[in-house]
């Protein structure tokens, strides 16, 4: 019999888990957006002003928006604990630190203020 936990299977399981996490985050974001149109209009990369962009640019904008929402949500969940947030996200602590810095997110600010998730840095 073949080993059912080879590198291909492990990669599949990781990607499957990332897909589940992504769907949960997007679902939660969309539910929050329904109740708060102001947040949705600021963070919605599919808004009409984005449709004039080429596919690559629109995809980059959506990805950055998703990363911003995801990083803030996972940091809020862990009250700003980057190590724990990185474990939940399935990435290294250093990667999460660099991503947060690139997005202009300060873990201590997100974790300290429960309403920080609703604020935008733009």
PDB file of N, CA and C in Angstrom:
ATOM      1  N   UNK A   1       0.828  -1.188   0.000  1.00  0.00           N
ATOM      2  CA  UNK A   1       0.000   0.000   0.000  1.00  0.00           C
ATOM      3  C   UNK A   1       0.873   1.254   0.000  1.00  0.00           C
ATOM      4  N   UNK A   2       0.336   2.272  -0.557  1.00  0.00           N
ATOM      5  CA  UNK A   2       1.037   3.547  -0.576  1.00  0.00           C
ATOM      6  C   UNK A   2       0.856   4.263   0.758  1.00  0.00           C
ATOM      7  N   UNK A   3       1.839   5.089   1.063  1.00  0.00           N
ATOM      8  CA  UNK A   3       1.749   5.913   2.265  1.00  0.00           C
ATOM      9  C   UNK A   3       0.756   7.040   1.989  1.00  0.00           C
ATOM     10  N   UNK A   4      -0.328   7.090   2.727  1.00  0.00           N
ATOM     11  CA  UNK A   4      -1.374   8.078   2.448  1.00  0.00           C
ATOM     12  C   UNK A   4      -1.036   9.452   3.014  1.00  0.00           C
ATOM     13  N   UNK A   5       0.122   9.585   3.666  1.00  0.00           N
ATOM     14  CA  UNK A   5       0.505  10.873   4.219  1.00  0.00           C
ATOM     15  C   UNK A   5       1.830  11.352   3.628  1.00  0.00           C
ATOM     16  N   UNK A   6       1.999  11.171   2.330  1.00  0.00           N
ATOM     17  CA  UNK A   6       3.192  11.658   1.655  1.00  0.00           C
ATOM     18  C   UNK A   6       3.150  13.164   1.483  1.00  0.00           C
ATOM     19  N   UNK A   7       4.187  13.729   0.862  1.00  0.00           N
ATOM     20  CA  UNK A   7       4.238  15.189   0.702  1.00  0.00           C
ATOM     21  C   UNK A   7       3.064  15.752  -0.083  1.00  0.00           C
ATOM     22  N   UNK A   8       2.607  15.053  -1.079  1.00  0.00           N
ATOM     23  CA  UNK A   8       1.460  15.535  -1.859  1.00  0.00           C
ATOM     24  C   UNK A   8       0.193  15.582  -1.025  1.00  0.00           C
ATOM     25  N   UNK A   9      -0.005  14.567  -0.217  1.00  0.00           N
ATOM     26  CA  UNK A   9      -1.188  14.514   0.649  1.00  0.00           C
ATOM     27  C   UNK A   9      -1.116  15.608   1.710  1.00  0.00           C
ATOM     28  N   UNK A  10       0.078  15.816   2.276  1.00  0.00           N
ATOM     29  CA  UNK A  10       0.254  16.853   3.295  1.00  0.00           C
ATOM     30  C   UNK A  10      -0.046  18.225   2.707  1.00  0.00           C
ATOM     31  N   UNK A  11       0.440  18.482   1.505  1.00  0.00           N
ATOM     32  CA  UNK A  11       0.179  19.757   0.849  1.00  0.00           C
ATOM     33  C   UNK A  11      -1.311  19.927   0.600  1.00  0.00           C
ATOM     34  N   UNK A  12      -1.955  18.862   0.154  1.00  0.00           N
ATOM     35  CA  UNK A  12      -3.391  18.912  -0.079  1.00  0.00           C
ATOM     36  C   UNK A  12      -4.141  19.266   1.202  1.00  0.00           C
ATOM     37  N   UNK A  13      -3.759  18.646   2.321  1.00  0.00           N
ATOM     38  CA  UNK A  13      -4.431  18.908   3.594  1.00  0.00           C
ATOM     39  C   UNK A  13      -4.221  20.347   4.046  1.00  0.00           C
ATOM     40  N   UNK A  14      -3.018  20.879   3.833  1.00  0.00           N
ATOM     41  CA  UNK A  14      -2.733  22.272   4.199  1.00  0.00           C
ATOM     42  C   UNK A  14      -3.576  23.216   3.344  1.00  0.00           C
ATOM     43  N   UNK A  15      -3.615  22.984   2.043  1.00  0.00           N
ATOM     44  CA  UNK A  15      -4.397  23.838   1.160  1.00  0.00           C
ATOM     45  C   UNK A  15      -5.889  23.745   1.470  1.00  0.00           C
ATOM     46  N   UNK A  16      -6.338  22.561   1.813  1.00  0.00           N
ATOM     47  CA  UNK A  16      -7.742  22.388   2.167  1.00  0.00           C
ATOM     48  C   UNK A  16      -8.080  23.179   3.435  1.00  0.00           C
ATOM     49  N   UNK A  17      -7.180  23.132   4.421  1.00  0.00           N
ATOM     50  CA  UNK A  17      -7.398  23.886   5.654  1.00  0.00           C
ATOM     51  C   UNK A  17      -7.379  25.390   5.392  1.00  0.00           C
ATOM     52  N   UNK A  18      -6.446  25.866   4.568  1.00  0.00           N
ATOM     53  CA  UNK A  18      -6.393  27.283   4.221  1.00  0.00           C
ATOM     54  C   UNK A  18      -7.676  27.718   3.516  1.00  0.00           C
ATOM     55  N   UNK A  19      -8.208  26.865   2.670  1.00  0.00           N
ATOM     56  CA  UNK A  19      -9.452  27.168   1.975  1.00  0.00           C
ATOM     57  C   UNK A  19     -10.594  27.308   2.977  1.00  0.00           C
ATOM     58  N   UNK A  20     -10.668  26.390   3.949  1.00  0.00           N
ATOM     59  CA  UNK A  20     -11.712  26.481   4.973  1.00  0.00           C
ATOM     60  C   UNK A  20     -11.593  27.770   5.776  1.00  0.00           C
ATOM     61  N   UNK A  21     -10.373  28.104   6.176  1.00  0.00           N
ATOM     62  CA  UNK A  21     -10.146  29.325   6.954  1.00  0.00           C
ATOM     63  C   UNK A  21     -10.522  30.546   6.131  1.00  0.00           C
ATOM     64  N   UNK A  22     -10.110  30.571   4.877  1.00  0.00           N
ATOM     65  CA  UNK A  22     -10.421  31.703   4.004  1.00  0.00           C
ATOM     66  C   UNK A  22     -11.923  31.885   3.866  1.00  0.00           C
ATOM     67  N   UNK A  23     -12.640  30.791   3.675  1.00  0.00           N
ATOM     68  CA  UNK A  23     -14.097  30.882   3.543  1.00  0.00           C
ATOM     69  C   UNK A  23     -14.736  31.420   4.822  1.00  0.00           C
ATOM     70  N   UNK A  24     -14.261  30.971   5.978  1.00  0.00           N
ATOM     71  CA  UNK A  24     -14.809  31.470   7.243  1.00  0.00           C
ATOM     72  C   UNK A  24     -14.571  32.966   7.402  1.00  0.00           C
ATOM     73  N   UNK A  25     -13.351  33.397   7.100  1.00  0.00           N
ATOM     74  CA  UNK A  25     -13.028  34.819   7.241  1.00  0.00           C
ATOM     75  C   UNK A  25     -13.876  35.652   6.293  1.00  0.00           C
ATOM     76  N   UNK A  26     -13.971  35.229   5.048  1.00  0.00           N
ATOM     77  CA  UNK A  26     -14.757  35.980   4.076  1.00  0.00           C
ATOM     78  C   UNK A  26     -16.225  35.998   4.476  1.00  0.00           C
ATOM     79  N   UNK A  27     -16.755  34.863   4.940  1.00  0.00           N
ATOM     80  CA  UNK A  27     -18.153  34.822   5.383  1.00  0.00           C
ATOM     81  C   UNK A  27     -18.393  35.781   6.542  1.00  0.00           C
ATOM     82  N   UNK A  28     -17.483  35.782   7.519  1.00  0.00           N
ATOM     83  CA  UNK A  28     -17.626  36.688   8.662  1.00  0.00           C
ATOM     84  C   UNK A  28     -17.523  38.137   8.209  1.00  0.00           C
ATOM     85  N   UNK A  29     -16.612  38.397   7.287  1.00  0.00           N
ATOM     86  CA  UNK A  29     -16.447  39.756   6.778  1.00  0.00           C
ATOM     87  C   UNK A  29     -17.698  40.216   6.040  1.00  0.00           C
ATOM     88  N   UNK A  30     -18.251  39.341   5.233  1.00  0.00           N
ATOM     89  CA  UNK A  30     -19.454  39.706   4.489  1.00  0.00           C
ATOM     90  C   UNK A  30     -20.637  39.935   5.415  1.00  0.00           C
ATOM     91  N   UNK A  31     -20.763  39.125   6.459  1.00  0.00           N
ATOM     92  CA  UNK A  31     -21.835  39.342   7.429  1.00  0.00           C
ATOM     93  C   UNK A  31     -21.671  40.688   8.123  1.00  0.00           C
ATOM     94  N   UNK A  32     -20.440  41.021   8.491  1.00  0.00           N
ATOM     95  CA  UNK A  32     -20.184  42.310   9.130  1.00  0.00           C
ATOM     96  C   UNK A  32     -20.444  43.439   8.146  1.00  0.00           C
ATOM     97  N   UNK A  33     -20.104  43.229   6.891  1.00  0.00           N
ATOM     98  CA  UNK A  33     -20.295  44.261   5.869  1.00  0.00           C
ATOM     99  C   UNK A  33     -21.775  44.534   5.636  1.00  0.00           C
ATOM    100  N   UNK A  34     -22.601  43.501   5.760  1.00  0.00           N
ATOM    101  CA  UNK A  34     -24.036  43.695   5.592  1.00  0.00           C
ATOM    102  C   UNK A  34     -24.605  44.634   6.645  1.00  0.00           C
ATOM    103  N   UNK A  35     -24.061  44.570   7.848  1.00  0.00           N
ATOM    104  CA  UNK A  35     -24.561  45.407   8.930  1.00  0.00           C
ATOM    105  C   UNK A  35     -23.881  46.764   8.994  1.00  0.00           C
ATOM    106  N   UNK A  36     -22.790  46.911   8.252  1.00  0.00           N
ATOM    107  CA  UNK A  36     -22.057  48.174   8.304  1.00  0.00           C
ATOM    108  C   UNK A  36     -21.634  48.559   6.887  1.00  0.00           C
ATOM    109  N   UNK A  37     -22.476  49.252   6.161  1.00  0.00           N
ATOM    110  CA  UNK A  37     -22.201  49.593   4.767  1.00  0.00           C
ATOM    111  C   UNK A  37     -20.982  50.482   4.611  1.00  0.00           C
ATOM    112  N   UNK A  38     -20.693  51.277   5.626  1.00  0.00           N
ATOM    113  CA  UNK A  38     -19.526  52.168   5.560  1.00  0.00           C
ATOM    114  C   UNK A  38     -18.234  51.359   5.437  1.00  0.00           C
ATOM    115  N   UNK A  39     -18.082  50.330   6.266  1.00  0.00           N
ATOM    116  CA  UNK A  39     -16.897  49.480   6.213  1.00  0.00           C
ATOM    117  C   UNK A  39     -16.845  48.751   4.885  1.00  0.00           C
ATOM    118  N   UNK A  40     -17.991  48.256   4.427  1.00  0.00           N
ATOM    119  CA  UNK A  40     -18.027  47.508   3.179  1.00  0.00           C
ATOM    120  C   UNK A  40     -17.620  48.377   1.997  1.00  0.00           C
ATOM    121  N   UNK A  41     -18.052  49.631   1.972  1.00  0.00           N
ATOM    122  CA  UNK A  41     -17.722  50.485   0.835  1.00  0.00           C
ATOM    123  C   UNK A  41     -16.242  50.836   0.815  1.00  0.00           C
ATOM    124  N   UNK A  42     -15.595  50.899   1.987  1.00  0.00           N
ATOM    125  CA  UNK A  42     -14.169  51.226   2.030  1.00  0.00           C
ATOM    126  C   UNK A  42     -13.305  50.024   1.676  1.00  0.00           C
ATOM    127  N   UNK A  43     -13.728  48.827   2.072  1.00  0.00           N
ATOM    128  CA  UNK A  43     -12.883  47.657   1.911  1.00  0.00           C
ATOM    129  C   UNK A  43     -13.266  46.774   0.736  1.00  0.00           C
ATOM    130  N   UNK A  44     -14.318  47.097   0.022  1.00  0.00           N
ATOM    131  CA  UNK A  44     -14.792  46.242  -1.056  1.00  0.00           C
ATOM    132  C   UNK A  44     -13.995  46.479  -2.326  1.00  0.00           C
ATOM    133  N   UNK A  45     -13.076  45.553  -2.668  1.00  0.00           N
ATOM    134  CA  UNK A  45     -12.271  45.732  -3.877  1.00  0.00           C
ATOM    135  C   UNK A  45     -13.068  45.489  -5.152  1.00  0.00           C
ATOM    136  N   UNK A  46     -14.274  44.952  -5.036  1.00  0.00           N
ATOM    137  CA  UNK A  46     -15.097  44.694  -6.210  1.00  0.00           C
ATOM    138  C   UNK A  46     -16.061  45.840  -6.482  1.00  0.00           C
ATOM    139  N   UNK A  47     -15.910  46.915  -5.756  1.00  0.00           N
ATOM    140  CA  UNK A  47     -16.763  48.075  -5.978  1.00  0.00           C
ATOM    141  C   UNK A  47     -16.543  48.583  -7.393  1.00  0.00           C
ATOM    142  N   UNK A  48     -17.524  49.304  -7.962  1.00  0.00           N
ATOM    143  CA  UNK A  48     -17.428  49.751  -9.348  1.00  0.00           C
ATOM    144  C   UNK A  48     -16.129  50.493  -9.693  1.00  0.00           C
ATOM    145  N   UNK A  49     -15.527  51.213  -8.750  1.00  0.00           N
ATOM    146  CA  UNK A  49     -14.303  51.929  -9.074  1.00  0.00           C
ATOM    147  C   UNK A  49     -13.135  50.978  -9.350  1.00  0.00           C
ATOM    148  N   UNK A  50     -13.239  49.698  -8.954  1.00  0.00           N
ATOM    149  CA  UNK A  50     -12.177  48.726  -9.193  1.00  0.00           C
ATOM    150  C   UNK A  50     -12.335  47.997 -10.523  1.00  0.00           C
ATOM    151  N   UNK A  51     -13.490  48.079 -11.120  1.00  0.00           N
ATOM    152  CA  UNK A  51     -13.749  47.283 -12.315  1.00  0.00           C
ATOM    153  C   UNK A  51     -12.995  47.761 -13.545  1.00  0.00           C
ATOM    154  N   UNK A  52     -12.484  48.975 -13.522  1.00  0.00           N
ATOM    155  CA  UNK A  52     -11.729  49.463 -14.672  1.00  0.00           C
ATOM    156  C   UNK A  52     -10.295  48.937 -14.675  1.00  0.00           C
ATOM    157  N   UNK A  53      -9.883  48.296 -13.583  1.00  0.00           N
ATOM    158  CA  UNK A  53      -8.515  47.793 -13.470  1.00  0.00           C
ATOM    159  C   UNK A  53      -8.329  46.513 -14.262  1.00  0.00           C
ATOM    160  N   UNK A  54      -7.116  46.272 -14.750  1.00  0.00           N
ATOM    161  CA  UNK A  54      -6.823  44.973 -15.369  1.00  0.00           C
ATOM    162  C   UNK A  54      -6.961  43.869 -14.316  1.00  0.00           C
ATOM    163  N   UNK A  55      -7.166  42.649 -14.761  1.00  0.00           N
ATOM    164  CA  UNK A  55      -7.400  41.527 -13.868  1.00  0.00           C
ATOM    165  C   UNK A  55      -6.305  41.400 -12.809  1.00  0.00           C
ATOM    166  N   UNK A  56      -5.045  41.480 -13.201  1.00  0.00           N
ATOM    167  CA  UNK A  56      -3.941  41.331 -12.250  1.00  0.00           C
ATOM    168  C   UNK A  56      -4.005  42.388 -11.164  1.00  0.00           C
ATOM    169  N   UNK A  57      -4.248  43.637 -11.545  1.00  0.00           N
ATOM    170  CA  UNK A  57      -4.312  44.716 -10.560  1.00  0.00           C
ATOM    171  C   UNK A  57      -5.521  44.567  -9.642  1.00  0.00           C
ATOM    172  N   UNK A  58      -6.659  44.187 -10.208  1.00  0.00           N
ATOM    173  CA  UNK A  58      -7.858  43.976  -9.393  1.00  0.00           C
ATOM    174  C   UNK A  58      -7.640  42.826  -8.420  1.00  0.00           C
ATOM    175  N   UNK A  59      -6.981  41.751  -8.894  1.00  0.00           N
ATOM    176  CA  UNK A  59      -6.690  40.604  -8.033  1.00  0.00           C
ATOM    177  C   UNK A  59      -5.747  41.013  -6.908  1.00  0.00           C
ATOM    178  N   UNK A  60      -4.721  41.799  -7.222  1.00  0.00           N
ATOM    179  CA  UNK A  60      -3.780  42.271  -6.200  1.00  0.00           C
ATOM    180  C   UNK A  60      -4.494  43.122  -5.157  1.00  0.00           C
ATOM    181  N   UNK A  61      -5.414  43.971  -5.617  1.00  0.00           N
ATOM    182  CA  UNK A  61      -6.158  44.825  -4.696  1.00  0.00           C
ATOM    183  C   UNK A  61      -7.051  43.984  -3.792  1.00  0.00           C
ATOM    184  N   UNK A  62      -7.721  42.982  -4.351  1.00  0.00           N
ATOM    185  CA  UNK A  62      -8.576  42.114  -3.554  1.00  0.00           C
ATOM    186  C   UNK A  62      -7.750  41.321  -2.553  1.00  0.00           C
ATOM    187  N   UNK A  63      -6.611  40.799  -2.996  1.00  0.00           N
ATOM    188  CA  UNK A  63      -5.748  40.024  -2.114  1.00  0.00           C
ATOM    189  C   UNK A  63      -5.265  40.873  -0.949  1.00  0.00           C
ATOM    190  N   UNK A  64      -4.856  42.098  -1.240  1.00  0.00           N
ATOM    191  CA  UNK A  64      -4.393  42.975  -0.161  1.00  0.00           C
ATOM    192  C   UNK A  64      -5.529  43.277   0.813  1.00  0.00           C
ATOM    193  N   UNK A  65      -6.721  43.492   0.289  1.00  0.00           N
ATOM    194  CA  UNK A  65      -7.878  43.751   1.140  1.00  0.00           C
ATOM    195  C   UNK A  65      -8.184  42.536   2.015  1.00  0.00           C
ATOM    196  N   UNK A  66      -8.145  41.360   1.418  1.00  0.00           N
ATOM    197  CA  UNK A  66      -8.386  40.131   2.182  1.00  0.00           C
ATOM    198  C   UNK A  66      -7.323  39.945   3.256  1.00  0.00           C
ATOM    199  N   UNK A  67      -6.043  40.141   2.896  1.00  0.00           N
ATOM    200  CA  UNK A  67      -4.965  39.989   3.873  1.00  0.00           C
ATOM    201  C   UNK A  67      -5.154  40.959   5.036  1.00  0.00           C
ATOM    202  N   UNK A  68      -5.568  42.179   4.731  1.00  0.00           N
ATOM    203  CA  UNK A  68      -5.773  43.186   5.762  1.00  0.00           C
ATOM    204  C   UNK A  68      -6.865  42.734   6.739  1.00  0.00           C
ATOM    205  N   UNK A  69      -7.983  42.281   6.205  1.00  0.00           N
ATOM    206  CA  UNK A  69      -9.090  41.818   7.042  1.00  0.00           C
ATOM    207  C   UNK A  69      -8.665  40.584   7.839  1.00  0.00           C
ATOM    208  N   UNK A  70      -8.002  39.649   7.178  1.00  0.00           N
ATOM    209  CA  UNK A  70      -7.604  38.394   7.823  1.00  0.00           C
ATOM    210  C   UNK A  70      -6.613  38.632   8.954  1.00  0.00           C
ATOM    211  N   UNK A  71      -5.557  39.423   8.685  1.00  0.00           N
ATOM    212  CA  UNK A  71      -4.532  39.660   9.695  1.00  0.00           C
ATOM    213  C   UNK A  71      -5.130  40.383  10.903  1.00  0.00           C
ATOM    214  N   UNK A  72      -5.953  41.391  10.643  1.00  0.00           N
ATOM    215  CA  UNK A  72      -6.584  42.110  11.764  1.00  0.00           C
ATOM    216  C   UNK A  72      -7.496  41.173  12.563  1.00  0.00           C
ATOM    217  N   UNK A  73      -8.233  40.298  11.897  1.00  0.00           N
ATOM    218  CA  UNK A  73      -9.139  39.378  12.590  1.00  0.00           C
ATOM    219  C   UNK A  73      -8.373  38.372  13.443  1.00  0.00           C
ATOM    220  N   UNK A  74      -7.317  37.809  12.892  1.00  0.00           N
ATOM    221  CA  UNK A  74      -6.570  36.797  13.644  1.00  0.00           C
ATOM    222  C   UNK A  74      -5.813  37.458  14.806  1.00  0.00           C
ATOM    223  N   UNK A  75      -5.321  38.667  14.622  1.00  0.00           N
ATOM    224  CA  UNK A  75      -4.660  39.370  15.723  1.00  0.00           C
ATOM    225  C   UNK A  75      -5.664  39.771  16.800  1.00  0.00           C
ATOM    226  N   UNK A  76      -6.848  40.167  16.375  1.00  0.00           N
ATOM    227  CA  UNK A  76      -7.879  40.520  17.357  1.00  0.00           C
ATOM    228  C   UNK A  76      -8.266  39.290  18.167  1.00  0.00           C
ATOM    229  N   UNK A  77      -8.400  38.161  17.492  1.00  0.00           N
ATOM    230  CA  UNK A  77      -8.778  36.918  18.170  1.00  0.00           C
ATOM    231  C   UNK A  77      -7.754  36.526  19.229  1.00  0.00           C
ATOM    232  N   UNK A  78      -6.479  36.812  18.971  1.00  0.00           N
ATOM    233  CA  UNK A  78      -5.413  36.442  19.906  1.00  0.00           C
ATOM    234  C   UNK A  78      -4.994  37.605  20.792  1.00  0.00           C
ATOM    235  N   UNK A  79      -5.761  38.705  20.749  1.00  0.00           N
ATOM    236  CA  UNK A  79      -5.473  39.905  21.547  1.00  0.00           C
ATOM    237  C   UNK A  79      -4.069  40.438  21.287  1.00  0.00           C
ATOM    238  N   UNK A  80      -3.647  40.380  20.031  1.00  0.00           N
ATOM    239  CA  UNK A  80      -2.372  40.949  19.625  1.00  0.00           C
ATOM    240  C   UNK A  80      -1.174  40.026  19.784  1.00  0.00           C
ATOM    241  N   UNK A  81      -1.382  38.788  20.170  1.00  0.00           N
ATOM    242  CA  UNK A  81      -0.292  37.831  20.338  1.00  0.00           C
ATOM    243  C   UNK A  81       0.101  37.301  18.961  1.00  0.00           C
ATOM    244  N   UNK A  82       1.219  37.793  18.446  1.00  0.00           N
ATOM    245  CA  UNK A  82       1.636  37.467  17.078  1.00  0.00           C
ATOM    246  C   UNK A  82       1.992  35.987  16.946  1.00  0.00           C
ATOM    247  N   UNK A  83       2.650  35.429  17.941  1.00  0.00           N
ATOM    248  CA  UNK A  83       3.041  34.016  17.875  1.00  0.00           C
ATOM    249  C   UNK A  83       1.810  33.121  17.780  1.00  0.00           C
ATOM    250  N   UNK A  84       0.828  33.367  18.621  1.00  0.00           N
ATOM    251  CA  UNK A  84      -0.395  32.563  18.597  1.00  0.00           C
ATOM    252  C   UNK A  84      -1.177  32.804  17.302  1.00  0.00           C
ATOM    253  N   UNK A  85      -1.222  34.056  16.856  1.00  0.00           N
ATOM    254  CA  UNK A  85      -1.916  34.377  15.602  1.00  0.00           C
ATOM    255  C   UNK A  85      -1.261  33.651  14.425  1.00  0.00           C
ATOM    256  N   UNK A  86       0.062  33.594  14.423  1.00  0.00           N
ATOM    257  CA  UNK A  86       0.775  32.901  13.342  1.00  0.00           C
ATOM    258  C   UNK A  86       0.466  31.410  13.361  1.00  0.00           C
ATOM    259  N   UNK A  87       0.362  30.827  14.557  1.00  0.00           N
ATOM    260  CA  UNK A  87       0.006  29.404  14.654  1.00  0.00           C
ATOM    261  C   UNK A  87      -1.389  29.160  14.084  1.00  0.00           C
ATOM    262  N   UNK A  88      -2.326  30.033  14.417  1.00  0.00           N
ATOM    263  CA  UNK A  88      -3.693  29.892  13.904  1.00  0.00           C
ATOM    264  C   UNK A  88      -3.708  30.027  12.383  1.00  0.00           C
ATOM    265  N   UNK A  89      -2.943  30.985  11.858  1.00  0.00           N
ATOM    266  CA  UNK A  89      -2.919  31.236  10.422  1.00  0.00           C
ATOM    267  C   UNK A  89      -2.094  30.194   9.661  1.00  0.00           C
ATOM    268  N   UNK A  90      -1.294  29.424  10.376  1.00  0.00           N
ATOM    269  CA  UNK A  90      -0.482  28.399   9.721  1.00  0.00           C
ATOM    270  C   UNK A  90       0.726  28.963   9.002  1.00  0.00           C
ATOM    271  N   UNK A  91       1.254  30.081   9.512  1.00  0.00           N
ATOM    272  CA  UNK A  91       2.446  30.693   8.934  1.00  0.00           C
ATOM    273  C   UNK A  91       3.456  30.936  10.049  1.00  0.00           C
ATOM    274  N   UNK A  92       4.660  31.305   9.679  1.00  0.00           N
ATOM    275  CA  UNK A  92       5.666  31.593  10.700  1.00  0.00           C
ATOM    276  C   UNK A  92       5.382  32.946  11.343  1.00  0.00           C
ATOM    277  N   UNK A  93       5.874  33.095  12.552  1.00  0.00           N
ATOM    278  CA  UNK A  93       5.694  34.350  13.275  1.00  0.00           C
ATOM    279  C   UNK A  93       6.314  35.502  12.494  1.00  0.00           C
ATOM    280  N   UNK A  94       7.489  35.272  11.944  1.00  0.00           N
ATOM    281  CA  UNK A  94       8.181  36.324  11.201  1.00  0.00           C
ATOM    282  C   UNK A  94       7.399  36.731   9.953  1.00  0.00           C
ATOM    283  N   UNK A  95       6.817  35.757   9.244  1.00  0.00           N
ATOM    284  CA  UNK A  95       6.020  36.069   8.059  1.00  0.00           C
ATOM    285  C   UNK A  95       4.839  36.959   8.431  1.00  0.00           C
ATOM    286  N   UNK A  96       4.154  36.597   9.530  1.00  0.00           N
ATOM    287  CA  UNK A  96       3.002  37.385   9.955  1.00  0.00           C
ATOM    288  C   UNK A  96       3.424  38.793  10.371  1.00  0.00           C
ATOM    289  N   UNK A  97       4.579  38.913  11.040  1.00  0.00           N
ATOM    290  CA  UNK A  97       5.086  40.238  11.416  1.00  0.00           C
ATOM    291  C   UNK A  97       5.348  41.093  10.178  1.00  0.00           C
ATOM    292  N   UNK A  98       5.991  40.505   9.192  1.00  0.00           N
ATOM    293  CA  UNK A  98       6.301  41.251   7.959  1.00  0.00           C
ATOM    294  C   UNK A  98       5.033  41.635   7.206  1.00  0.00           C
ATOM    295  N   UNK A  99       4.071  40.707   7.148  1.00  0.00           N
ATOM    296  CA  UNK A  99       2.813  40.992   6.471  1.00  0.00           C
ATOM    297  C   UNK A  99       2.068  42.120   7.177  1.00  0.00           C
ATOM    298  N   UNK A 100       1.999  42.064   8.496  1.00  0.00           N
ATOM    299  CA  UNK A 100       1.327  43.123   9.261  1.00  0.00           C
ATOM    300  C   UNK A 100       2.028  44.461   9.045  1.00  0.00           C
ATOM    301  N   UNK A 101       3.351  44.462   9.033  1.00  0.00           N
ATOM    302  CA  UNK A 101       4.091  45.709   8.815  1.00  0.00           C
ATOM    303  C   UNK A 101       3.809  46.259   7.421  1.00  0.00           C
ATOM    304  N   UNK A 102       3.784  45.375   6.414  1.00  0.00           N
ATOM    305  CA  UNK A 102       3.515  45.823   5.042  1.00  0.00           C
ATOM    306  C   UNK A 102       2.113  46.421   4.928  1.00  0.00           C
ATOM    307  N   UNK A 103       1.174  45.865   5.688  1.00  0.00           N
ATOM    308  CA  UNK A 103      -0.207  46.346   5.651  1.00  0.00           C
ATOM    309  C   UNK A 103      -0.440  47.524   6.590  1.00  0.00           C
ATOM    310  N   UNK A 104       0.577  47.865   7.380  1.00  0.00           N
ATOM    311  CA  UNK A 104       0.446  48.985   8.311  1.00  0.00           C
ATOM    312  C   UNK A 104      -0.381  48.642   9.544  1.00  0.00           C
ATOM    313  N   UNK A 105      -0.353  47.390   9.939  1.00  0.00           N
ATOM    314  CA  UNK A 105      -1.123  46.937  11.099  1.00  0.00           C
ATOM    315  C   UNK A 105      -0.171  46.738  12.267  1.00  0.00           C
ATOM    316  N   UNK A 106      -0.517  47.315  13.406  1.00  0.00           N
ATOM    317  CA  UNK A 106       0.272  47.128  14.628  1.00  0.00           C
ATOM    318  C   UNK A 106      -0.480  46.167  15.529  1.00  0.00           C
ATOM    319  N   UNK A 107       0.155  45.040  15.816  1.00  0.00           N
ATOM    320  CA  UNK A 107      -0.501  43.993  16.609  1.00  0.00           C
ATOM    321  C   UNK A 107      -0.952  44.503  17.960  1.00  0.00           C
ATOM    322  N   UNK A 108      -0.161  45.324  18.589  1.00  0.00           N
ATOM    323  CA  UNK A 108      -0.518  45.811  19.924  1.00  0.00           C
ATOM    324  C   UNK A 108      -1.779  46.672  19.881  1.00  0.00           C
ATOM    325  N   UNK A 109      -1.957  47.431  18.820  1.00  0.00           N
ATOM    326  CA  UNK A 109      -3.144  48.277  18.705  1.00  0.00           C
ATOM    327  C   UNK A 109      -4.395  47.456  18.405  1.00  0.00           C
ATOM    328  N   UNK A 110      -4.266  46.452  17.562  1.00  0.00           N
ATOM    329  CA  UNK A 110      -5.423  45.624  17.214  1.00  0.00           C
ATOM    330  C   UNK A 110      -5.856  44.813  18.423  1.00  0.00           C
ATOM    331  N   UNK A 111      -4.897  44.252  19.147  1.00  0.00           N
ATOM    332  CA  UNK A 111      -5.211  43.425  20.294  1.00  0.00           C
ATOM    333  C   UNK A 111      -5.721  44.203  21.487  1.00  0.00           C
ATOM    334  N   UNK A 112      -5.312  45.470  21.615  1.00  0.00           N
ATOM    335  CA  UNK A 112      -5.673  46.248  22.797  1.00  0.00           C
ATOM    336  C   UNK A 112      -7.083  46.810  22.722  1.00  0.00           C
ATOM    337  N   UNK A 113      -7.549  47.143  21.524  1.00  0.00           N
ATOM    338  CA  UNK A 113      -8.832  47.823  21.368  1.00  0.00           C
ATOM    339  C   UNK A 113      -9.803  46.932  20.613  1.00  0.00           C
ATOM    340  N   UNK A 114     -10.870  46.447  21.248  1.00  0.00           N
ATOM    341  CA  UNK A 114     -11.819  45.562  20.574  1.00  0.00           C
ATOM    342  C   UNK A 114     -12.451  46.174  19.328  1.00  0.00           C
ATOM    343  N   UNK A 115     -12.557  47.493  19.255  1.00  0.00           N
ATOM    344  CA  UNK A 115     -13.162  48.104  18.071  1.00  0.00           C
ATOM    345  C   UNK A 115     -12.133  48.366  16.980  1.00  0.00           C
ATOM    346  N   UNK A 116     -10.868  48.002  17.199  1.00  0.00           N
ATOM    347  CA  UNK A 116      -9.816  48.282  16.227  1.00  0.00           C
ATOM    348  C   UNK A 116     -10.031  47.547  14.914  1.00  0.00           C
ATOM    349  N   UNK A 117     -10.720  46.440  14.960  1.00  0.00           N
ATOM    350  CA  UNK A 117     -10.960  45.672  13.731  1.00  0.00           C
ATOM    351  C   UNK A 117     -11.832  46.452  12.763  1.00  0.00           C
ATOM    352  N   UNK A 118     -12.704  47.308  13.268  1.00  0.00           N
ATOM    353  CA  UNK A 118     -13.616  48.061  12.426  1.00  0.00           C
ATOM    354  C   UNK A 118     -12.984  49.315  11.838  1.00  0.00           C
ATOM    355  N   UNK A 119     -11.846  49.729  12.367  1.00  0.00           N
ATOM    356  CA  UNK A 119     -11.197  50.936  11.862  1.00  0.00           C
ATOM    357  C   UNK A 119     -10.359  50.597  10.644  1.00  0.00           C
ATOM    358  N   UNK A 120     -10.157  51.578   9.790  1.00  0.00           N
ATOM    359  CA  UNK A 120      -9.315  51.367   8.632  1.00  0.00           C
ATOM    360  C   UNK A 120      -8.090  52.228   8.756  1.00  0.00           C
ATOM    361  N   UNK A 121      -6.987  51.764   8.186  1.00  0.00           N
ATOM    362  CA  UNK A 121      -5.729  52.497   8.258  1.00  0.00           C
ATOM    363  C   UNK A 121      -5.524  53.371   7.035  1.00  0.00           C
ATOM    364  N   UNK A 122      -6.472  53.355   6.106  1.00  0.00           N
ATOM    365  CA  UNK A 122      -6.297  54.085   4.860  1.00  0.00           C
ATOM    366  C   UNK A 122      -6.669  55.522   5.026  1.00  0.00           C
TER     367      UNK A 122
END
